[in-house]
Amino acid sequence: MRIYKLLVPALLMIVVFISGCKKPQELPIGEPYSQVEGIQGTFRLSKVEQIDEITLNLDKTLDVSEVFLGGNPMEITFNAENVTINANDTPDYFSNGAATLTWKFDDNQFPTKVIINNGDAEWSLLSPIRTSDNILAFKVSRFYRGKKAITYNFSFERQ
């Protein structure tokens, strides 16, 4: 009699478990997001981190947003072919004073870099940028004697 008290609930649990197992519904993946369309728009600088690439310390990252943001942070506007950089109160590490620059991705389907003008500057993307994304994040590295010395991680919020 005792075995039935244990066996019946166990069998009921197995039946409930098996009946709950269904073949997963196959959903269409859909069209891939266009990152060329995703990057278009205006973005305002919101955060800057400086990474010391030379030091051996474990703590290599420093939030330097206060230095870069000022009262009126930089704004970057991308359209299909051009990027306009309005430095405002931010030190301009990007345009060298040019009002409008041309840009392209290194690969339009799977971009890892934004190439500015005729290849003289590259910004490495830290994350994909789709029309639904509110953050544009990339890094720019500075070199000393052929070695990477400092990297800046820039985060911009879509306006």
Protein backbone atom coordinates (compact mmCIF):
# COMPACT_ATOMS: atom_id res chain seq x y z
CA MET A 1 0.00 0.00 0.00
CA ARG A 2 2.84 2.36 0.80
CA ILE A 3 4.41 1.90 -2.62
CA TYR A 4 1.17 3.13 -4.25
CA LYS A 5 1.29 6.30 -2.17
CA LEU A 6 4.72 7.06 -3.60
CA LEU A 7 4.22 5.63 -7.07
CA VAL A 8 0.97 7.44 -7.96
CA PRO A 9 2.30 10.99 -7.30
CA ALA A 10 5.54 10.15 -9.10
CA LEU A 11 3.65 8.88 -12.15
CA LEU A 12 1.40 11.97 -12.12
CA MET A 13 4.47 14.22 -12.07
CA ILE A 14 6.01 12.36 -15.01
CA VAL A 15 2.76 12.61 -17.02
CA VAL A 16 2.48 16.36 -16.29
CA PHE A 17 6.12 16.88 -17.22
CA ILE A 18 5.86 14.96 -20.50
CA SER A 19 2.60 16.66 -21.47
CA GLY A 20 4.26 20.04 -20.88
CA CYS A 21 7.08 19.26 -23.30
CA LYS A 22 6.23 20.62 -26.70
CA LYS A 23 8.24 21.09 -29.79
CA PRO A 24 9.56 24.67 -29.74
CA GLN A 25 7.78 26.98 -32.10
CA GLU A 26 9.99 28.01 -34.97
CA LEU A 27 9.88 31.75 -35.42
CA PRO A 28 11.22 33.48 -38.51
CA ILE A 29 14.46 35.32 -37.87
CA GLY A 30 13.51 38.22 -40.11
CA GLU A 31 15.68 40.67 -41.95
CA PRO A 32 18.97 41.69 -40.33
CA TYR A 33 19.19 45.15 -38.85
CA SER A 34 20.95 47.71 -40.98
CA GLN A 35 23.71 49.28 -38.91
CA VAL A 36 24.17 51.89 -41.64
CA GLU A 37 20.62 53.03 -40.89
CA GLY A 38 21.13 52.49 -37.15
CA ILE A 39 24.04 54.90 -36.84
CA GLN A 40 22.18 57.70 -38.58
CA GLY A 41 21.02 60.43 -36.24
CA THR A 42 22.38 62.75 -33.59
CA PHE A 43 24.21 61.50 -30.51
CA ARG A 44 25.37 63.48 -27.45
CA LEU A 45 28.47 62.49 -25.49
CA SER A 46 27.45 61.02 -22.12
CA LYS A 47 30.49 59.15 -20.73
CA VAL A 48 34.23 58.81 -21.34
CA GLU A 49 36.57 56.24 -19.81
CA GLN A 50 40.35 56.37 -20.16
CA ILE A 51 42.25 53.09 -20.18
CA ASP A 52 46.00 53.05 -19.54
CA GLU A 53 47.36 50.41 -21.94
CA ILE A 54 50.94 50.59 -20.62
CA THR A 55 50.64 50.19 -16.86
CA LEU A 56 50.72 46.78 -15.25
CA ASN A 57 48.27 47.79 -12.52
CA LEU A 58 44.99 45.92 -12.37
CA ASP A 59 43.02 49.15 -12.14
CA LYS A 60 43.67 50.64 -15.58
CA THR A 61 40.35 52.39 -16.19
CA LEU A 62 39.50 55.91 -15.08
CA ASP A 63 36.19 57.71 -15.64
CA VAL A 64 37.18 61.06 -17.18
CA SER A 65 33.67 62.13 -18.18
CA GLU A 66 33.90 65.32 -16.13
CA VAL A 67 36.85 66.54 -18.23
CA PHE A 68 35.13 65.77 -21.55
CA LEU A 69 31.52 66.69 -20.95
CA GLY A 70 31.59 70.27 -19.65
CA GLY A 71 28.33 72.21 -19.61
CA ASN A 72 27.54 71.51 -23.26
CA PRO A 73 28.81 68.07 -24.40
CA MET A 74 29.89 67.14 -27.91
CA GLU A 75 27.26 66.12 -30.43
CA ILE A 76 27.89 63.87 -33.42
CA THR A 77 25.40 63.64 -36.29
CA PHE A 78 25.65 60.84 -38.84
CA ASN A 79 23.80 60.80 -42.15
CA ALA A 80 24.26 58.38 -45.04
CA GLU A 81 27.72 59.67 -46.03
CA ASN A 82 28.79 62.47 -43.68
CA VAL A 83 29.39 62.95 -40.00
CA THR A 84 29.17 66.37 -38.42
CA ILE A 85 30.94 66.92 -35.13
CA ASN A 86 29.94 69.82 -32.92
CA ALA A 87 32.56 69.83 -30.14
CA ASN A 88 30.80 72.42 -27.96
CA ASP A 89 32.62 72.34 -24.58
CA THR A 90 34.33 69.00 -25.26
CA PRO A 91 37.99 68.63 -26.30
CA ASP A 92 37.86 67.69 -29.99
CA TYR A 93 39.78 64.45 -30.51
CA PHE A 94 37.90 63.64 -33.69
CA SER A 95 37.59 66.28 -36.37
CA ASN A 96 40.77 68.38 -36.18
CA GLY A 97 38.54 71.41 -36.69
CA ALA A 98 36.74 70.15 -39.81
CA ALA A 99 33.00 70.89 -39.74
CA THR A 100 31.91 67.88 -41.80
CA LEU A 101 33.74 64.61 -42.43
CA THR A 102 32.92 61.54 -44.50
CA TRP A 103 32.53 58.15 -42.86
CA LYS A 104 32.04 54.48 -43.68
CA PHE A 105 32.02 51.15 -41.88
CA ASP A 106 34.79 48.65 -42.47
CA ASP A 107 31.99 46.14 -43.31
CA ASN A 108 28.38 47.30 -43.69
CA GLN A 109 26.88 43.96 -42.62
CA PHE A 110 29.15 43.25 -39.65
CA PRO A 111 30.92 46.51 -38.81
CA THR A 112 33.65 46.66 -36.23
CA LYS A 113 35.04 50.10 -37.12
CA VAL A 114 33.83 53.49 -38.27
CA ILE A 115 36.41 54.91 -40.66
CA ILE A 116 36.51 58.70 -40.82
CA ASN A 117 37.50 60.67 -43.95
CA ASN A 118 39.95 58.86 -46.18
CA GLY A 119 41.10 56.36 -43.59
CA ASP A 120 43.06 58.71 -41.33
CA ALA A 121 40.96 57.89 -38.25
CA GLU A 122 39.28 54.71 -37.09
CA TRP A 123 36.79 54.39 -34.27
CA SER A 124 36.29 50.80 -33.09
CA LEU A 125 32.67 50.05 -32.22
CA LEU A 126 32.10 48.62 -28.75
CA SER A 127 28.60 47.40 -29.57
CA PRO A 128 26.26 47.13 -32.54
CA ILE A 129 24.20 50.19 -33.40
CA ARG A 130 20.66 49.62 -34.63
CA THR A 131 17.83 52.09 -35.03
CA SER A 132 16.41 50.82 -31.72
CA ASP A 133 19.68 51.35 -29.81
CA ASN A 134 20.06 54.54 -27.80
CA ILE A 135 23.80 54.22 -27.14
CA LEU A 136 26.61 54.59 -29.65
CA ALA A 137 29.81 53.33 -28.04
CA PHE A 138 33.25 53.24 -29.58
CA LYS A 139 36.88 53.42 -28.61
CA VAL A 140 39.77 55.45 -29.92
CA SER A 141 43.36 54.48 -29.13
CA ARG A 142 46.41 56.75 -29.01
CA PHE A 143 49.85 55.36 -29.76
CA TYR A 144 53.29 56.20 -28.45
CA ARG A 145 56.37 54.91 -30.25
CA GLY A 146 54.27 52.42 -32.19
CA LYS A 147 52.56 50.92 -29.14
CA LYS A 148 49.06 51.51 -27.87
CA ALA A 149 49.35 53.82 -24.87
CA ILE A 150 45.87 55.14 -24.04
CA THR A 151 42.39 54.08 -25.13
CA TYR A 152 39.29 56.20 -24.69
CA ASN A 153 35.87 54.53 -24.54
CA PHE A 154 33.22 57.03 -25.63
CA SER A 155 29.49 56.58 -25.01
CA PHE A 156 27.00 58.78 -26.83
CA GLU A 157 23.23 58.87 -26.24
CA ARG A 158 20.85 59.15 -29.18
CA GLN A 159 19.01 62.48 -29.19
